Amino acid sequence: MKKATLRNDFVDTLSLADLCRFCRADEAWVVDLVEHGVLAPQGSSVENWQFCSVSIVRAKKARRLNRDHGINTAGVAMVLDLLEERAKILRELARSNVL
């Protein structure tokens, strides 16, 4: 059995190529996510885009939704927005001790 280890090396940003490798997706798919507002890269052109940790997490979720459920990019954008809204509401309910 493999021994579990703690890792302290965090990634702040990923380039477009690195994000594609991380998500096992092609560049066109990531560009489509950006065009649909799912991801918000930093940088003025595709060649120097950098994706922060929030975008990295969203890209990974988007890939799972697309791959596992066959949801297209527009659908992925809607699902991720709804999931974030749900999480926000649950946090607000927890703060007000309603749950």
PDB file of N, CA and C in Angstrom:
ATOM      1  N   MET A   1       0.841  -1.172   0.000  1.00  0.00           N
ATOM      2  CA  MET A   1       0.000   0.000   0.000  1.00  0.00           C
ATOM      3  C   MET A   1       0.892   1.243   0.000  1.00  0.00           C
ATOM      4  N   LYS A   2       0.501   2.237  -0.782  1.00  0.00           N
ATOM      5  CA  LYS A   2       1.285   3.456  -0.910  1.00  0.00           C
ATOM      6  C   LYS A   2       1.088   4.335   0.319  1.00  0.00           C
ATOM      7  N   LYS A   3       2.185   4.849   0.848  1.00  0.00           N
ATOM      8  CA  LYS A   3       2.146   5.702   2.019  1.00  0.00           C
ATOM      9  C   LYS A   3       1.654   7.096   1.641  1.00  0.00           C
ATOM     10  N   ALA A   4       0.744   7.623   2.422  1.00  0.00           N
ATOM     11  CA  ALA A   4       0.222   8.969   2.176  1.00  0.00           C
ATOM     12  C   ALA A   4       1.235   9.996   2.644  1.00  0.00           C
ATOM     13  N   THR A   5       1.375  11.048   1.879  1.00  0.00           N
ATOM     14  CA  THR A   5       2.285  12.131   2.254  1.00  0.00           C
ATOM     15  C   THR A   5       1.567  13.461   2.124  1.00  0.00           C
ATOM     16  N   LEU A   6       1.987  14.407   2.925  1.00  0.00           N
ATOM     17  CA  LEU A   6       1.452  15.761   2.821  1.00  0.00           C
ATOM     18  C   LEU A   6       2.294  16.534   1.835  1.00  0.00           C
ATOM     19  N   ARG A   7       1.632  17.332   1.018  1.00  0.00           N
ATOM     20  CA  ARG A   7       2.358  18.143   0.046  1.00  0.00           C
ATOM     21  C   ARG A   7       2.083  19.606   0.332  1.00  0.00           C
ATOM     22  N   ASN A   8       3.129  20.385   0.348  1.00  0.00           N
ATOM     23  CA  ASN A   8       2.999  21.810   0.607  1.00  0.00           C
ATOM     24  C   ASN A   8       3.278  22.654  -0.626  1.00  0.00           C
ATOM     25  N   ASP A   9       3.384  22.030  -1.787  1.00  0.00           N
ATOM     26  CA  ASP A   9       3.664  22.787  -2.999  1.00  0.00           C
ATOM     27  C   ASP A   9       2.343  23.112  -3.700  1.00  0.00           C
ATOM     28  N   PHE A  10       1.933  24.379  -3.566  1.00  0.00           N
ATOM     29  CA  PHE A  10       0.690  24.847  -4.146  1.00  0.00           C
ATOM     30  C   PHE A  10       0.964  25.558  -5.457  1.00  0.00           C
ATOM     31  N   VAL A  11       0.020  25.472  -6.362  1.00  0.00           N
ATOM     32  CA  VAL A  11       0.138  26.139  -7.649  1.00  0.00           C
ATOM     33  C   VAL A  11      -0.734  27.386  -7.604  1.00  0.00           C
ATOM     34  N   ASP A  12      -0.142  28.538  -7.873  1.00  0.00           N
ATOM     35  CA  ASP A  12      -0.894  29.794  -7.886  1.00  0.00           C
ATOM     36  C   ASP A  12      -1.630  29.981  -9.209  1.00  0.00           C
ATOM     37  N   THR A  13      -0.928  29.747 -10.317  1.00  0.00           N
ATOM     38  CA  THR A  13      -1.519  29.921 -11.638  1.00  0.00           C
ATOM     39  C   THR A  13      -1.006  28.841 -12.578  1.00  0.00           C
ATOM     40  N   LEU A  14      -1.786  28.629 -13.635  1.00  0.00           N
ATOM     41  CA  LEU A  14      -1.384  27.711 -14.700  1.00  0.00           C
ATOM     42  C   LEU A  14      -1.515  28.427 -16.031  1.00  0.00           C
ATOM     43  N   SER A  15      -0.623  28.116 -16.947  1.00  0.00           N
ATOM     44  CA  SER A  15      -0.744  28.619 -18.316  1.00  0.00           C
ATOM     45  C   SER A  15      -1.858  27.840 -19.019  1.00  0.00           C
ATOM     46  N   LEU A  16      -2.222  28.282 -20.200  1.00  0.00           N
ATOM     47  CA  LEU A  16      -3.235  27.583 -20.980  1.00  0.00           C
ATOM     48  C   LEU A  16      -2.815  26.139 -21.246  1.00  0.00           C
ATOM     49  N   ALA A  17      -1.576  25.949 -21.665  1.00  0.00           N
ATOM     50  CA  ALA A  17      -1.085  24.599 -21.958  1.00  0.00           C
ATOM     51  C   ALA A  17      -1.102  23.717 -20.714  1.00  0.00           C
ATOM     52  N   ASP A  18      -0.685  24.277 -19.576  1.00  0.00           N
ATOM     53  CA  ASP A  18      -0.682  23.509 -18.328  1.00  0.00           C
ATOM     54  C   ASP A  18      -2.094  23.168 -17.873  1.00  0.00           C
ATOM     55  N   LEU A  19      -3.019  24.112 -18.021  1.00  0.00           N
ATOM     56  CA  LEU A  19      -4.414  23.847 -17.651  1.00  0.00           C
ATOM     57  C   LEU A  19      -4.994  22.746 -18.530  1.00  0.00           C
ATOM     58  N   CYS A  20      -4.679  22.775 -19.813  1.00  0.00           N
ATOM     59  CA  CYS A  20      -5.153  21.727 -20.730  1.00  0.00           C
ATOM     60  C   CYS A  20      -4.634  20.357 -20.306  1.00  0.00           C
ATOM     61  N   ARG A  21      -3.368  20.286 -19.948  1.00  0.00           N
ATOM     62  CA  ARG A  21      -2.809  19.011 -19.474  1.00  0.00           C
ATOM     63  C   ARG A  21      -3.466  18.582 -18.169  1.00  0.00           C
ATOM     64  N   PHE A  22      -3.658  19.525 -17.262  1.00  0.00           N
ATOM     65  CA  PHE A  22      -4.257  19.238 -15.956  1.00  0.00           C
ATOM     66  C   PHE A  22      -5.673  18.693 -16.105  1.00  0.00           C
ATOM     67  N   CYS A  23      -6.431  19.270 -17.036  1.00  0.00           N
ATOM     68  CA  CYS A  23      -7.830  18.850 -17.247  1.00  0.00           C
ATOM     69  C   CYS A  23      -7.969  17.757 -18.306  1.00  0.00           C
ATOM     70  N   ARG A  24      -6.864  17.428 -18.965  1.00  0.00           N
ATOM     71  CA  ARG A  24      -6.895  16.475 -20.075  1.00  0.00           C
ATOM     72  C   ARG A  24      -7.914  16.915 -21.133  1.00  0.00           C
ATOM     73  N   ALA A  25      -7.721  18.158 -21.561  1.00  0.00           N
ATOM     74  CA  ALA A  25      -8.620  18.764 -22.541  1.00  0.00           C
ATOM     75  C   ALA A  25      -7.794  19.507 -23.579  1.00  0.00           C
ATOM     76  N   ASP A  26      -8.424  19.807 -24.704  1.00  0.00           N
ATOM     77  CA  ASP A  26      -7.702  20.562 -25.727  1.00  0.00           C
ATOM     78  C   ASP A  26      -7.928  22.064 -25.536  1.00  0.00           C
ATOM     79  N   GLU A  27      -7.077  22.839 -26.195  1.00  0.00           N
ATOM     80  CA  GLU A  27      -7.132  24.293 -26.043  1.00  0.00           C
ATOM     81  C   GLU A  27      -8.463  24.876 -26.489  1.00  0.00           C
ATOM     82  N   ALA A  28      -9.047  24.344 -27.541  1.00  0.00           N
ATOM     83  CA  ALA A  28     -10.320  24.864 -28.051  1.00  0.00           C
ATOM     84  C   ALA A  28     -11.402  24.770 -26.979  1.00  0.00           C
ATOM     85  N   TRP A  29     -11.387  23.695 -26.199  1.00  0.00           N
ATOM     86  CA  TRP A  29     -12.387  23.520 -25.149  1.00  0.00           C
ATOM     87  C   TRP A  29     -12.209  24.580 -24.064  1.00  0.00           C
ATOM     88  N   VAL A  30     -10.962  24.838 -23.669  1.00  0.00           N
ATOM     89  CA  VAL A  30     -10.693  25.848 -22.646  1.00  0.00           C
ATOM     90  C   VAL A  30     -11.064  27.238 -23.170  1.00  0.00           C
ATOM     91  N   VAL A  31     -10.724  27.532 -24.413  1.00  0.00           N
ATOM     92  CA  VAL A  31     -11.087  28.818 -25.015  1.00  0.00           C
ATOM     93  C   VAL A  31     -12.606  28.973 -25.024  1.00  0.00           C
ATOM     94  N   ASP A  32     -13.327  27.899 -25.313  1.00  0.00           N
ATOM     95  CA  ASP A  32     -14.782  27.925 -25.296  1.00  0.00           C
ATOM     96  C   ASP A  32     -15.305  28.243 -23.889  1.00  0.00           C
ATOM     97  N   LEU A  33     -14.668  27.682 -22.864  1.00  0.00           N
ATOM     98  CA  LEU A  33     -15.061  27.989 -21.480  1.00  0.00           C
ATOM     99  C   LEU A  33     -14.859  29.468 -21.177  1.00  0.00           C
ATOM    100  N   VAL A  34     -13.757  30.029 -21.658  1.00  0.00           N
ATOM    101  CA  VAL A  34     -13.489  31.453 -21.449  1.00  0.00           C
ATOM    102  C   VAL A  34     -14.557  32.286 -22.160  1.00  0.00           C
ATOM    103  N   GLU A  35     -14.888  31.918 -23.392  1.00  0.00           N
ATOM    104  CA  GLU A  35     -15.894  32.662 -24.155  1.00  0.00           C
ATOM    105  C   GLU A  35     -17.273  32.600 -23.505  1.00  0.00           C
ATOM    106  N   HIS A  36     -17.575  31.513 -22.789  1.00  0.00           N
ATOM    107  CA  HIS A  36     -18.865  31.376 -22.104  1.00  0.00           C
ATOM    108  C   HIS A  36     -18.831  31.937 -20.678  1.00  0.00           C
ATOM    109  N   GLY A  37     -17.700  32.512 -20.283  1.00  0.00           N
ATOM    110  CA  GLY A  37     -17.593  33.137 -18.968  1.00  0.00           C
ATOM    111  C   GLY A  37     -17.359  32.176 -17.824  1.00  0.00           C
ATOM    112  N   VAL A  38     -17.063  30.925 -18.129  1.00  0.00           N
ATOM    113  CA  VAL A  38     -16.794  29.939 -17.080  1.00  0.00           C
ATOM    114  C   VAL A  38     -15.448  30.222 -16.426  1.00  0.00           C
ATOM    115  N   LEU A  39     -14.469  30.589 -17.220  1.00  0.00           N
ATOM    116  CA  LEU A  39     -13.126  30.889 -16.739  1.00  0.00           C
ATOM    117  C   LEU A  39     -12.772  32.329 -17.071  1.00  0.00           C
ATOM    118  N   ALA A  40     -11.987  32.937 -16.186  1.00  0.00           N
ATOM    119  CA  ALA A  40     -11.558  34.323 -16.401  1.00  0.00           C
ATOM    120  C   ALA A  40     -10.038  34.382 -16.286  1.00  0.00           C
ATOM    121  N   PRO A  41      -9.333  34.155 -17.396  1.00  0.00           N
ATOM    122  CA  PRO A  41      -7.870  34.170 -17.336  1.00  0.00           C
ATOM    123  C   PRO A  41      -7.323  35.584 -17.198  1.00  0.00           C
ATOM    124  N   GLN A  42      -6.127  35.646 -16.652  1.00  0.00           N
ATOM    125  CA  GLN A  42      -5.392  36.903 -16.617  1.00  0.00           C
ATOM    126  C   GLN A  42      -4.479  36.897 -17.832  1.00  0.00           C
ATOM    127  N   GLY A  43      -4.301  38.049 -18.437  1.00  0.00           N
ATOM    128  CA  GLY A  43      -3.444  38.148 -19.620  1.00  0.00           C
ATOM    129  C   GLY A  43      -4.219  38.715 -20.785  1.00  0.00           C
ATOM    130  N   SER A  44      -3.490  39.368 -21.664  1.00  0.00           N
ATOM    131  CA  SER A  44      -4.137  40.090 -22.759  1.00  0.00           C
ATOM    132  C   SER A  44      -4.388  39.244 -23.996  1.00  0.00           C
ATOM    133  N   SER A  45      -3.704  38.118 -24.123  1.00  0.00           N
ATOM    134  CA  SER A  45      -3.912  37.270 -25.293  1.00  0.00           C
ATOM    135  C   SER A  45      -3.835  35.807 -24.889  1.00  0.00           C
ATOM    136  N   VAL A  46      -4.338  34.946 -25.751  1.00  0.00           N
ATOM    137  CA  VAL A  46      -4.369  33.512 -25.482  1.00  0.00           C
ATOM    138  C   VAL A  46      -2.966  32.992 -25.163  1.00  0.00           C
ATOM    139  N   GLU A  47      -1.971  33.516 -25.824  1.00  0.00           N
ATOM    140  CA  GLU A  47      -0.606  33.045 -25.641  1.00  0.00           C
ATOM    141  C   GLU A  47      -0.070  33.293 -24.234  1.00  0.00           C
ATOM    142  N   ASN A  48      -0.556  34.321 -23.561  1.00  0.00           N
ATOM    143  CA  ASN A  48      -0.034  34.589 -22.215  1.00  0.00           C
ATOM    144  C   ASN A  48      -1.103  34.507 -21.130  1.00  0.00           C
ATOM    145  N   TRP A  49      -2.188  33.796 -21.406  1.00  0.00           N
ATOM    146  CA  TRP A  49      -3.207  33.586 -20.380  1.00  0.00           C
ATOM    147  C   TRP A  49      -2.620  32.851 -19.192  1.00  0.00           C
ATOM    148  N   GLN A  50      -3.037  33.261 -18.009  1.00  0.00           N
ATOM    149  CA  GLN A  50      -2.721  32.581 -16.762  1.00  0.00           C
ATOM    150  C   GLN A  50      -4.037  32.372 -16.015  1.00  0.00           C
ATOM    151  N   PHE A  51      -4.225  31.184 -15.497  1.00  0.00           N
ATOM    152  CA  PHE A  51      -5.461  30.833 -14.803  1.00  0.00           C
ATOM    153  C   PHE A  51      -5.161  30.687 -13.315  1.00  0.00           C
ATOM    154  N   CYS A  52      -5.894  31.448 -12.488  1.00  0.00           N
ATOM    155  CA  CYS A  52      -5.689  31.408 -11.043  1.00  0.00           C
ATOM    156  C   CYS A  52      -6.379  30.176 -10.444  1.00  0.00           C
ATOM    157  N   SER A  53      -6.211  29.988  -9.157  1.00  0.00           N
ATOM    158  CA  SER A  53      -6.718  28.790  -8.495  1.00  0.00           C
ATOM    159  C   SER A  53      -8.226  28.624  -8.642  1.00  0.00           C
ATOM    160  N   VAL A  54      -8.989  29.709  -8.587  1.00  0.00           N
ATOM    161  CA  VAL A  54     -10.444  29.616  -8.751  1.00  0.00           C
ATOM    162  C   VAL A  54     -10.784  29.076 -10.140  1.00  0.00           C
ATOM    163  N   SER A  55     -10.116  29.572 -11.155  1.00  0.00           N
ATOM    164  CA  SER A  55     -10.353  29.094 -12.517  1.00  0.00           C
ATOM    165  C   SER A  55      -9.909  27.651 -12.695  1.00  0.00           C
ATOM    166  N   ILE A  56      -8.841  27.266 -12.011  1.00  0.00           N
ATOM    167  CA  ILE A  56      -8.362  25.889 -12.114  1.00  0.00           C
ATOM    168  C   ILE A  56      -9.405  24.932 -11.551  1.00  0.00           C
ATOM    169  N   VAL A  57      -9.958  25.269 -10.401  1.00  0.00           N
ATOM    170  CA  VAL A  57     -10.996  24.435  -9.784  1.00  0.00           C
ATOM    171  C   VAL A  57     -12.232  24.385 -10.672  1.00  0.00           C
ATOM    172  N   ARG A  58     -12.652  25.539 -11.207  1.00  0.00           N
ATOM    173  CA  ARG A  58     -13.834  25.579 -12.090  1.00  0.00           C
ATOM    174  C   ARG A  58     -13.601  24.763 -13.356  1.00  0.00           C
ATOM    175  N   ALA A  59     -12.386  24.831 -13.903  1.00  0.00           N
ATOM    176  CA  ALA A  59     -12.078  24.071 -15.117  1.00  0.00           C
ATOM    177  C   ALA A  59     -12.167  22.572 -14.848  1.00  0.00           C
ATOM    178  N   LYS A  60     -11.672  22.146 -13.711  1.00  0.00           N
ATOM    179  CA  LYS A  60     -11.718  20.720 -13.366  1.00  0.00           C
ATOM    180  C   LYS A  60     -13.166  20.263 -13.194  1.00  0.00           C
ATOM    181  N   LYS A  61     -13.989  21.068 -12.529  1.00  0.00           N
ATOM    182  CA  LYS A  61     -15.408  20.734 -12.378  1.00  0.00           C
ATOM    183  C   LYS A  61     -16.097  20.715 -13.742  1.00  0.00           C
ATOM    184  N   ALA A  62     -15.771  21.701 -14.570  1.00  0.00           N
ATOM    185  CA  ALA A  62     -16.361  21.775 -15.908  1.00  0.00           C
ATOM    186  C   ALA A  62     -16.015  20.537 -16.717  1.00  0.00           C
ATOM    187  N   ARG A  63     -14.783  20.099 -16.611  1.00  0.00           N
ATOM    188  CA  ARG A  63     -14.362  18.911 -17.360  1.00  0.00           C
ATOM    189  C   ARG A  63     -15.120  17.675 -16.920  1.00  0.00           C
ATOM    190  N   ARG A  64     -15.311  17.533 -15.604  1.00  0.00           N
ATOM    191  CA  ARG A  64     -16.069  16.378 -15.102  1.00  0.00           C
ATOM    192  C   ARG A  64     -17.514  16.429 -15.580  1.00  0.00           C
ATOM    193  N   LEU A  65     -18.131  17.607 -15.534  1.00  0.00           N
ATOM    194  CA  LEU A  65     -19.514  17.739 -16.000  1.00  0.00           C
ATOM    195  C   LEU A  65     -19.621  17.384 -17.476  1.00  0.00           C
ATOM    196  N   ASN A  66     -18.662  17.849 -18.253  1.00  0.00           N
ATOM    197  CA  ASN A  66     -18.656  17.580 -19.688  1.00  0.00           C
ATOM    198  C   ASN A  66     -18.397  16.108 -19.977  1.00  0.00           C
ATOM    199  N   ARG A  67     -17.379  15.563 -19.352  1.00  0.00           N
ATOM    200  CA  ARG A  67     -16.975  14.180 -19.615  1.00  0.00           C
ATOM    201  C   ARG A  67     -17.966  13.164 -19.037  1.00  0.00           C
ATOM    202  N   ASP A  68     -18.362  13.339 -17.787  1.00  0.00           N
ATOM    203  CA  ASP A  68     -19.187  12.339 -17.112  1.00  0.00           C
ATOM    204  C   ASP A  68     -20.669  12.431 -17.453  1.00  0.00           C
ATOM    205  N   HIS A  69     -21.135  13.643 -17.762  1.00  0.00           N
ATOM    206  CA  HIS A  69     -22.569  13.839 -17.982  1.00  0.00           C
ATOM    207  C   HIS A  69     -22.912  14.331 -19.382  1.00  0.00           C
ATOM    208  N   GLY A  70     -21.893  14.573 -20.194  1.00  0.00           N
ATOM    209  CA  GLY A  70     -22.128  15.007 -21.564  1.00  0.00           C
ATOM    210  C   GLY A  70     -22.729  16.399 -21.685  1.00  0.00           C
ATOM    211  N   ILE A  71     -22.516  17.238 -20.674  1.00  0.00           N
ATOM    212  CA  ILE A  71     -23.086  18.587 -20.686  1.00  0.00           C
ATOM    213  C   ILE A  71     -22.215  19.486 -21.561  1.00  0.00           C
ATOM    214  N   ASN A  72     -22.856  20.232 -22.465  1.00  0.00           N
ATOM    215  CA  ASN A  72     -22.097  21.123 -23.348  1.00  0.00           C
ATOM    216  C   ASN A  72     -21.623  22.358 -22.580  1.00  0.00           C
ATOM    217  N   THR A  73     -20.845  23.198 -23.231  1.00  0.00           N
ATOM    218  CA  THR A  73     -20.208  24.329 -22.562  1.00  0.00           C
ATOM    219  C   THR A  73     -21.216  25.301 -21.969  1.00  0.00           C
ATOM    220  N   ALA A  74     -22.268  25.621 -22.698  1.00  0.00           N
ATOM    221  CA  ALA A  74     -23.295  26.530 -22.168  1.00  0.00           C
ATOM    222  C   ALA A  74     -23.959  25.913 -20.940  1.00  0.00           C
ATOM    223  N   GLY A  75     -24.228  24.628 -20.995  1.00  0.00           N
ATOM    224  CA  GLY A  75     -24.816  23.933 -19.861  1.00  0.00           C
ATOM    225  C   GLY A  75     -23.884  23.897 -18.665  1.00  0.00           C
ATOM    226  N   VAL A  76     -22.600  23.684 -18.926  1.00  0.00           N
ATOM    227  CA  VAL A  76     -21.595  23.677 -17.863  1.00  0.00           C
ATOM    228  C   VAL A  76     -21.574  25.036 -17.167  1.00  0.00           C
ATOM    229  N   ALA A  77     -21.614  26.108 -17.941  1.00  0.00           N
ATOM    230  CA  ALA A  77     -21.621  27.456 -17.367  1.00  0.00           C
ATOM    231  C   ALA A  77     -22.814  27.632 -16.444  1.00  0.00           C
ATOM    232  N   MET A  78     -23.981  27.193 -16.881  1.00  0.00           N
ATOM    233  CA  MET A  78     -25.192  27.324 -16.078  1.00  0.00           C
ATOM    234  C   MET A  78     -25.111  26.469 -14.812  1.00  0.00           C
ATOM    235  N   VAL A  79     -24.676  25.228 -14.935  1.00  0.00           N
ATOM    236  CA  VAL A  79     -24.582  24.331 -13.783  1.00  0.00           C
ATOM    237  C   VAL A  79     -23.605  24.885 -12.748  1.00  0.00           C
ATOM    238  N   LEU A  80     -22.440  25.344 -13.191  1.00  0.00           N
ATOM    239  CA  LEU A  80     -21.463  25.891 -12.250  1.00  0.00           C
ATOM    240  C   LEU A  80     -21.997  27.134 -11.545  1.00  0.00           C
ATOM    241  N   ASP A  81     -22.691  27.997 -12.269  1.00  0.00           N
ATOM    242  CA  ASP A  81     -23.300  29.174 -11.641  1.00  0.00           C
ATOM    243  C   ASP A  81     -24.334  28.765 -10.600  1.00  0.00           C
ATOM    244  N   LEU A  82     -25.159  27.772 -10.919  1.00  0.00           N
ATOM    245  CA  LEU A  82     -26.174  27.297  -9.973  1.00  0.00           C
ATOM    246  C   LEU A  82     -25.532  26.656  -8.744  1.00  0.00           C
ATOM    247  N   LEU A  83     -24.471  25.887  -8.940  1.00  0.00           N
ATOM    248  CA  LEU A  83     -23.775  25.274  -7.811  1.00  0.00           C
ATOM    249  C   LEU A  83     -23.165  26.338  -6.894  1.00  0.00           C
ATOM    250  N   GLU A  84     -22.599  27.381  -7.485  1.00  0.00           N
ATOM    251  CA  GLU A  84     -22.029  28.459  -6.674  1.00  0.00           C
ATOM    252  C   GLU A  84     -23.115  29.219  -5.925  1.00  0.00           C
ATOM    253  N   GLU A  85     -24.241  29.450  -6.568  1.00  0.00           N
ATOM    254  CA  GLU A  85     -25.365  30.123  -5.913  1.00  0.00           C
ATOM    255  C   GLU A  85     -25.882  29.285  -4.748  1.00  0.00           C
ATOM    256  N   ARG A  86     -25.989  27.980  -4.953  1.00  0.00           N
ATOM    257  CA  ARG A  86     -26.436  27.074  -3.895  1.00  0.00           C
ATOM    258  C   ARG A  86     -25.466  27.121  -2.721  1.00  0.00           C
ATOM    259  N   ALA A  87     -24.172  27.076  -2.993  1.00  0.00           N
ATOM    260  CA  ALA A  87     -23.170  27.130  -1.933  1.00  0.00           C
ATOM    261  C   ALA A  87     -23.256  28.444  -1.158  1.00  0.00           C
ATOM    262  N   LYS A  88     -23.483  29.535  -1.866  1.00  0.00           N
ATOM    263  CA  LYS A  88     -23.621  30.851  -1.227  1.00  0.00           C
ATOM    264  C   LYS A  88     -24.828  30.870  -0.298  1.00  0.00           C
ATOM    265  N   ILE A  89     -25.950  30.356  -0.759  1.00  0.00           N
ATOM    266  CA  ILE A  89     -27.167  30.318   0.055  1.00  0.00           C
ATOM    267  C   ILE A  89     -26.955  29.450   1.295  1.00  0.00           C
ATOM    268  N   LEU A  90     -26.307  28.304   1.123  1.00  0.00           N
ATOM    269  CA  LEU A  90     -26.045  27.427   2.262  1.00  0.00           C
ATOM    270  C   LEU A  90     -25.131  28.096   3.287  1.00  0.00           C
ATOM    271  N   ARG A  91     -24.129  28.844   2.812  1.00  0.00           N
ATOM    272  CA  ARG A  91     -23.251  29.582   3.740  1.00  0.00           C
ATOM    273  C   ARG A  91     -24.043  30.638   4.512  1.00  0.00           C
ATOM    274  N   GLU A  92     -24.927  31.351   3.810  1.00  0.00           N
ATOM    275  CA  GLU A  92     -25.739  32.372   4.470  1.00  0.00           C
ATOM    276  C   GLU A  92     -26.686  31.746   5.498  1.00  0.00           C
ATOM    277  N   LEU A  93     -27.269  30.618   5.167  1.00  0.00           N
ATOM    278  CA  LEU A  93     -28.143  29.917   6.106  1.00  0.00           C
ATOM    279  C   LEU A  93     -27.361  29.438   7.323  1.00  0.00           C
ATOM    280  N   ALA A  94     -26.171  28.940   7.098  1.00  0.00           N
ATOM    281  CA  ALA A  94     -25.342  28.476   8.208  1.00  0.00           C
ATOM    282  C   ALA A  94     -24.948  29.627   9.125  1.00  0.00           C
ATOM    283  N   ARG A  95     -24.643  30.791   8.531  1.00  0.00           N
ATOM    284  CA  ARG A  95     -24.292  31.957   9.345  1.00  0.00           C
ATOM    285  C   ARG A  95     -25.468  32.417  10.205  1.00  0.00           C
ATOM    286  N   SER A  96     -26.663  32.289   9.681  1.00  0.00           N
ATOM    287  CA  SER A  96     -27.836  32.736  10.432  1.00  0.00           C
ATOM    288  C   SER A  96     -28.398  31.615  11.309  1.00  0.00           C
ATOM    289  N   ASN A  97     -27.696  30.500  11.387  1.00  0.00           N
ATOM    290  CA  ASN A  97     -28.077  29.358  12.220  1.00  0.00           C
ATOM    291  C   ASN A  97     -29.452  28.801  11.896  1.00  0.00           C
ATOM    292  N   VAL A  98     -29.836  28.875  10.645  1.00  0.00           N
ATOM    293  CA  VAL A  98     -31.124  28.321  10.223  1.00  0.00           C
ATOM    294  C   VAL A  98     -31.020  26.816  10.054  1.00  0.00           C
ATOM    295  N   LEU A  99     -29.876  26.337   9.607  1.00  0.00           N
ATOM    296  CA  LEU A  99     -29.716  24.895   9.387  1.00  0.00           C
ATOM    297  C   LEU A  99     -29.466  24.154  10.666  1.00  0.00           C
TER     298      LEU A  99
END
